[in-house]
């Protein structure tokens, strides 16, 4: 990969760009704490067993659905709370996606 420069960085204690694989995964939507924790525990265990870094990811709002009648989530505050609590329970950094600039400040308070 001549000419490609990777700038390493960390999310929590997970290093990106230093030659070690990191997985960013979780359920599509933060529907409930129990579901997110179950998926997160499974992913964290699988990553740990294989020596991969793990970052828990779920969405609080699925604004990009193809149908206007599709479920979008439980709202930003509840969704972010679920993601943050799962991250604490797992001891894993967290991430999510935002759809509007005004969502960034609120997400930054609890998401890595």
N, C-alpha and C. Protein backbone atom coordinates (compact mmCIF):
# COMPACT_ATOMS: atom_id res chain seq x y z
N UNK A 1 0.83 -1.18 0.00
CA UNK A 1 0.00 0.00 0.00
C UNK A 1 0.88 1.25 0.00
N UNK A 2 1.59 1.44 -1.03
CA UNK A 2 2.45 2.60 -1.16
C UNK A 2 1.63 3.88 -1.12
N UNK A 3 2.11 4.84 -0.36
CA UNK A 3 1.46 6.14 -0.30
C UNK A 3 0.30 6.22 0.67
N UNK A 4 -0.16 5.11 1.21
CA UNK A 4 -1.27 5.13 2.15
C UNK A 4 -0.71 5.38 3.54
N UNK A 5 -1.19 6.42 4.18
CA UNK A 5 -0.73 6.74 5.52
C UNK A 5 -1.89 6.52 6.49
N UNK A 6 -1.66 5.72 7.49
CA UNK A 6 -2.66 5.46 8.52
C UNK A 6 -2.23 6.22 9.77
N UNK A 7 -3.13 7.01 10.30
CA UNK A 7 -2.86 7.72 11.54
C UNK A 7 -3.51 6.94 12.67
N UNK A 8 -2.71 6.25 13.47
CA UNK A 8 -3.27 5.46 14.57
C UNK A 8 -3.98 6.35 15.60
N UNK A 9 -5.00 5.79 16.21
CA UNK A 9 -5.72 6.48 17.29
C UNK A 9 -6.33 5.43 18.20
N UNK A 10 -6.84 5.86 19.32
CA UNK A 10 -7.46 4.95 20.28
C UNK A 10 -8.88 5.41 20.58
N UNK A 11 -9.74 4.44 20.83
CA UNK A 11 -11.08 4.69 21.35
C UNK A 11 -11.10 3.94 22.67
N UNK A 12 -11.08 4.67 23.77
CA UNK A 12 -10.89 4.02 25.06
C UNK A 12 -9.54 3.33 25.03
N UNK A 13 -9.52 2.06 25.38
CA UNK A 13 -8.26 1.31 25.36
C UNK A 13 -8.08 0.48 24.09
N UNK A 14 -8.95 0.67 23.11
CA UNK A 14 -8.86 -0.06 21.85
C UNK A 14 -8.06 0.77 20.84
N UNK A 15 -6.98 0.19 20.36
CA UNK A 15 -6.13 0.88 19.40
C UNK A 15 -6.57 0.57 17.97
N UNK A 16 -6.61 1.60 17.15
CA UNK A 16 -6.98 1.47 15.75
C UNK A 16 -5.77 1.88 14.91
N UNK A 17 -5.42 1.08 13.91
CA UNK A 17 -4.36 1.45 12.99
C UNK A 17 -2.97 1.09 13.42
N UNK A 18 -2.85 0.20 14.38
CA UNK A 18 -1.52 -0.22 14.84
C UNK A 18 -1.29 -1.71 14.55
N UNK A 19 -1.99 -2.24 13.57
CA UNK A 19 -1.76 -3.61 13.14
C UNK A 19 -2.61 -4.67 13.82
N UNK A 20 -3.40 -4.29 14.82
CA UNK A 20 -4.25 -5.25 15.51
C UNK A 20 -5.70 -5.01 15.07
N UNK A 21 -6.40 -6.09 14.78
CA UNK A 21 -7.79 -5.98 14.34
C UNK A 21 -8.68 -5.51 15.48
N UNK A 22 -9.57 -4.59 15.18
CA UNK A 22 -10.58 -4.14 16.14
C UNK A 22 -11.95 -4.29 15.48
N UNK A 23 -12.90 -4.79 16.23
CA UNK A 23 -14.26 -5.01 15.75
C UNK A 23 -15.18 -3.97 16.37
N UNK A 24 -15.97 -3.32 15.54
CA UNK A 24 -17.00 -2.38 15.99
C UNK A 24 -18.33 -3.04 15.65
N UNK A 25 -19.08 -3.48 16.68
CA UNK A 25 -20.29 -4.25 16.40
C UNK A 25 -21.25 -4.21 17.57
N UNK A 26 -22.49 -4.50 17.27
CA UNK A 26 -23.56 -4.59 18.26
C UNK A 26 -24.87 -4.74 17.50
N UNK A 27 -25.98 -4.67 18.21
CA UNK A 27 -27.27 -4.77 17.53
C UNK A 27 -27.52 -3.52 16.69
N UNK A 28 -28.36 -3.65 15.70
CA UNK A 28 -28.66 -2.52 14.81
C UNK A 28 -29.19 -1.33 15.61
N UNK A 29 -30.10 -1.59 16.52
CA UNK A 29 -30.74 -0.52 17.29
C UNK A 29 -30.68 -0.84 18.78
N UNK A 30 -30.51 0.17 19.60
CA UNK A 30 -30.50 0.00 21.06
C UNK A 30 -31.94 -0.12 21.54
N UNK A 31 -32.55 -1.27 21.24
CA UNK A 31 -33.96 -1.49 21.58
C UNK A 31 -34.16 -1.67 23.08
N UNK A 32 -33.25 -2.40 23.73
CA UNK A 32 -33.36 -2.62 25.17
C UNK A 32 -31.98 -2.90 25.75
N UNK A 33 -31.85 -2.62 27.04
CA UNK A 33 -30.58 -2.87 27.72
C UNK A 33 -30.24 -4.36 27.66
N UNK A 34 -31.21 -5.22 27.93
CA UNK A 34 -30.95 -6.66 27.97
C UNK A 34 -30.46 -7.20 26.63
N UNK A 35 -31.09 -6.80 25.54
CA UNK A 35 -30.66 -7.25 24.22
C UNK A 35 -29.26 -6.74 23.91
N UNK A 36 -29.02 -5.46 24.16
CA UNK A 36 -27.70 -4.89 23.89
C UNK A 36 -26.62 -5.56 24.72
N UNK A 37 -26.92 -5.83 25.98
CA UNK A 37 -25.94 -6.48 26.85
C UNK A 37 -25.65 -7.90 26.37
N UNK A 38 -26.68 -8.64 25.97
CA UNK A 38 -26.48 -10.00 25.49
C UNK A 38 -25.59 -10.02 24.24
N UNK A 39 -25.90 -9.16 23.28
CA UNK A 39 -25.09 -9.09 22.06
C UNK A 39 -23.68 -8.62 22.40
N UNK A 40 -23.57 -7.59 23.22
CA UNK A 40 -22.27 -7.06 23.60
C UNK A 40 -21.41 -8.06 24.33
N UNK A 41 -22.00 -8.81 25.26
CA UNK A 41 -21.23 -9.83 25.99
C UNK A 41 -20.69 -10.90 25.04
N UNK A 42 -21.53 -11.32 24.11
CA UNK A 42 -21.10 -12.33 23.14
C UNK A 42 -19.97 -11.80 22.27
N UNK A 43 -20.13 -10.60 21.76
CA UNK A 43 -19.09 -10.01 20.90
C UNK A 43 -17.80 -9.79 21.68
N UNK A 44 -17.91 -9.28 22.89
CA UNK A 44 -16.71 -9.02 23.70
C UNK A 44 -15.95 -10.31 23.98
N UNK A 45 -16.69 -11.37 24.29
CA UNK A 45 -16.05 -12.67 24.56
C UNK A 45 -15.35 -13.19 23.31
N UNK A 46 -16.05 -13.17 22.18
CA UNK A 46 -15.45 -13.66 20.93
C UNK A 46 -14.20 -12.86 20.56
N UNK A 47 -14.26 -11.56 20.72
CA UNK A 47 -13.10 -10.72 20.39
C UNK A 47 -11.94 -10.99 21.35
N UNK A 48 -12.24 -11.11 22.63
CA UNK A 48 -11.21 -11.40 23.64
C UNK A 48 -10.52 -12.72 23.33
N UNK A 49 -11.31 -13.76 23.01
CA UNK A 49 -10.76 -15.08 22.71
C UNK A 49 -9.82 -15.06 21.50
N UNK A 50 -10.05 -14.12 20.60
CA UNK A 50 -9.26 -14.05 19.37
C UNK A 50 -8.20 -12.95 19.38
N UNK A 51 -8.14 -12.23 20.49
CA UNK A 51 -7.15 -11.17 20.61
C UNK A 51 -7.49 -9.90 19.84
N UNK A 52 -8.77 -9.69 19.53
CA UNK A 52 -9.21 -8.50 18.82
C UNK A 52 -9.64 -7.44 19.83
N UNK A 53 -9.51 -6.17 19.44
CA UNK A 53 -10.11 -5.10 20.21
C UNK A 53 -11.61 -5.09 19.94
N UNK A 54 -12.40 -4.55 20.87
CA UNK A 54 -13.85 -4.51 20.68
C UNK A 54 -14.42 -3.16 21.11
N UNK A 55 -15.22 -2.58 20.23
CA UNK A 55 -15.96 -1.36 20.51
C UNK A 55 -17.44 -1.68 20.31
N UNK A 56 -18.27 -1.43 21.34
CA UNK A 56 -19.70 -1.70 21.25
C UNK A 56 -20.37 -0.57 20.47
N UNK A 57 -21.21 -0.95 19.50
CA UNK A 57 -21.92 0.04 18.68
C UNK A 57 -23.38 -0.34 18.54
N UNK A 58 -24.25 0.63 18.74
CA UNK A 58 -25.68 0.48 18.47
C UNK A 58 -26.21 1.87 18.10
N UNK A 59 -27.33 1.90 17.43
CA UNK A 59 -27.95 3.17 17.03
C UNK A 59 -29.11 3.50 17.96
N UNK A 60 -29.24 4.77 18.31
CA UNK A 60 -30.38 5.21 19.12
C UNK A 60 -31.54 5.63 18.23
N UNK A 61 -31.26 5.90 16.94
CA UNK A 61 -32.28 6.34 16.00
C UNK A 61 -31.95 5.79 14.62
N UNK A 62 -32.86 5.04 14.05
CA UNK A 62 -32.66 4.51 12.70
C UNK A 62 -33.41 5.41 11.72
N UNK A 63 -32.88 6.61 11.52
CA UNK A 63 -33.52 7.60 10.67
C UNK A 63 -33.44 7.25 9.18
N UNK A 64 -32.58 6.31 8.84
CA UNK A 64 -32.37 5.98 7.43
C UNK A 64 -33.15 4.73 6.99
N UNK A 65 -34.29 4.50 7.59
CA UNK A 65 -35.13 3.36 7.19
C UNK A 65 -35.75 3.62 5.82
N UNK A 66 -36.03 2.55 5.09
CA UNK A 66 -36.63 2.70 3.77
C UNK A 66 -38.13 2.92 3.83
N UNK A 67 -38.74 2.61 4.97
CA UNK A 67 -40.18 2.81 5.12
C UNK A 67 -40.43 3.83 6.24
N UNK A 68 -41.27 4.81 5.98
CA UNK A 68 -41.59 5.82 6.98
C UNK A 68 -42.31 5.23 8.18
N UNK A 69 -42.91 4.05 8.03
CA UNK A 69 -43.63 3.43 9.14
C UNK A 69 -42.76 2.49 9.97
N UNK A 70 -41.49 2.34 9.61
CA UNK A 70 -40.59 1.47 10.37
C UNK A 70 -40.25 2.08 11.73
N UNK A 71 -39.98 1.21 12.69
CA UNK A 71 -39.58 1.64 14.03
C UNK A 71 -38.24 2.35 13.94
N UNK A 72 -38.13 3.49 14.63
CA UNK A 72 -36.88 4.26 14.60
C UNK A 72 -36.10 4.16 15.90
N UNK A 73 -36.69 3.72 16.97
CA UNK A 73 -35.96 3.62 18.23
C UNK A 73 -36.75 4.20 19.38
N UNK A 74 -36.13 4.17 20.58
CA UNK A 74 -36.79 4.63 21.79
C UNK A 74 -36.47 6.08 22.12
N UNK A 75 -35.80 6.77 21.23
CA UNK A 75 -35.45 8.16 21.46
C UNK A 75 -33.99 8.32 21.84
N UNK A 76 -33.49 9.52 21.65
CA UNK A 76 -32.06 9.76 21.83
C UNK A 76 -31.61 9.57 23.27
N UNK A 77 -32.35 10.09 24.24
CA UNK A 77 -31.90 10.00 25.63
C UNK A 77 -31.88 8.56 26.13
N UNK A 78 -32.96 7.83 25.89
CA UNK A 78 -33.01 6.43 26.32
C UNK A 78 -31.99 5.59 25.57
N UNK A 79 -31.89 5.80 24.27
CA UNK A 79 -30.94 5.03 23.47
C UNK A 79 -29.51 5.25 23.90
N UNK A 80 -29.12 6.51 24.10
CA UNK A 80 -27.75 6.81 24.54
C UNK A 80 -27.48 6.24 25.93
N UNK A 81 -28.49 6.29 26.80
CA UNK A 81 -28.33 5.73 28.15
C UNK A 81 -28.07 4.23 28.08
N UNK A 82 -28.82 3.52 27.25
CA UNK A 82 -28.62 2.07 27.09
C UNK A 82 -27.22 1.78 26.57
N UNK A 83 -26.79 2.48 25.54
CA UNK A 83 -25.46 2.25 24.96
C UNK A 83 -24.37 2.51 26.00
N UNK A 84 -24.48 3.60 26.73
CA UNK A 84 -23.47 3.94 27.74
C UNK A 84 -23.43 2.90 28.86
N UNK A 85 -24.60 2.48 29.35
CA UNK A 85 -24.63 1.48 30.43
C UNK A 85 -24.06 0.14 29.99
N UNK A 86 -24.33 -0.25 28.76
CA UNK A 86 -23.76 -1.50 28.24
C UNK A 86 -22.24 -1.38 28.15
N UNK A 87 -21.75 -0.26 27.69
CA UNK A 87 -20.30 -0.05 27.63
C UNK A 87 -19.65 -0.19 28.99
N UNK A 88 -20.27 0.39 30.01
CA UNK A 88 -19.75 0.28 31.38
C UNK A 88 -19.77 -1.17 31.84
N UNK A 89 -20.88 -1.86 31.61
CA UNK A 89 -21.00 -3.26 32.03
C UNK A 89 -19.96 -4.14 31.36
N UNK A 90 -19.67 -3.86 30.10
CA UNK A 90 -18.70 -4.67 29.34
C UNK A 90 -17.26 -4.23 29.58
N UNK A 91 -17.08 -3.02 30.08
CA UNK A 91 -15.74 -2.46 30.15
C UNK A 91 -15.20 -2.17 28.76
N UNK A 92 -16.11 -1.82 27.84
CA UNK A 92 -15.74 -1.60 26.43
C UNK A 92 -16.09 -0.17 26.03
N UNK A 93 -15.30 0.43 25.15
CA UNK A 93 -15.68 1.74 24.62
C UNK A 93 -16.92 1.59 23.73
N UNK A 94 -17.59 2.72 23.51
CA UNK A 94 -18.84 2.71 22.76
C UNK A 94 -18.80 3.71 21.61
N UNK A 95 -19.64 3.45 20.62
CA UNK A 95 -19.86 4.42 19.55
C UNK A 95 -21.29 4.28 19.06
N UNK A 96 -21.74 5.28 18.34
CA UNK A 96 -23.06 5.28 17.74
C UNK A 96 -23.00 6.18 16.51
N UNK A 97 -24.10 6.29 15.81
CA UNK A 97 -24.17 7.20 14.68
C UNK A 97 -25.13 8.32 15.04
N UNK A 98 -24.88 9.50 14.51
CA UNK A 98 -25.78 10.63 14.69
C UNK A 98 -26.25 11.08 13.31
N UNK A 99 -27.44 11.66 13.28
CA UNK A 99 -28.01 12.06 12.00
C UNK A 99 -28.13 13.57 11.84
N UNK A 100 -28.05 14.28 12.95
CA UNK A 100 -28.19 15.73 12.93
C UNK A 100 -27.08 16.37 13.75
N UNK A 101 -26.56 17.50 13.33
CA UNK A 101 -25.48 18.15 14.08
C UNK A 101 -25.84 18.41 15.54
N UNK A 102 -27.09 18.76 15.80
CA UNK A 102 -27.49 19.07 17.18
C UNK A 102 -27.51 17.84 18.09
N UNK A 103 -27.40 16.64 17.54
CA UNK A 103 -27.33 15.43 18.36
C UNK A 103 -25.92 15.16 18.89
N UNK A 104 -24.93 15.78 18.30
CA UNK A 104 -23.53 15.47 18.63
C UNK A 104 -23.17 15.79 20.07
N UNK A 105 -23.56 16.96 20.57
CA UNK A 105 -23.21 17.35 21.94
C UNK A 105 -23.80 16.38 22.96
N UNK A 106 -25.05 16.00 22.77
CA UNK A 106 -25.69 15.07 23.70
C UNK A 106 -25.02 13.70 23.63
N UNK A 107 -24.74 13.22 22.44
CA UNK A 107 -24.08 11.92 22.29
C UNK A 107 -22.68 11.94 22.90
N UNK A 108 -21.97 13.04 22.75
CA UNK A 108 -20.59 13.13 23.25
C UNK A 108 -20.51 13.06 24.77
N UNK A 109 -21.59 13.33 25.47
CA UNK A 109 -21.59 13.27 26.94
C UNK A 109 -21.45 11.85 27.47
N UNK A 110 -21.93 10.86 26.70
CA UNK A 110 -21.95 9.50 27.23
C UNK A 110 -21.33 8.45 26.31
N UNK A 111 -21.02 8.82 25.09
CA UNK A 111 -20.48 7.87 24.11
C UNK A 111 -19.01 8.21 23.85
N UNK A 112 -18.18 7.15 23.75
CA UNK A 112 -16.75 7.39 23.56
C UNK A 112 -16.45 7.95 22.19
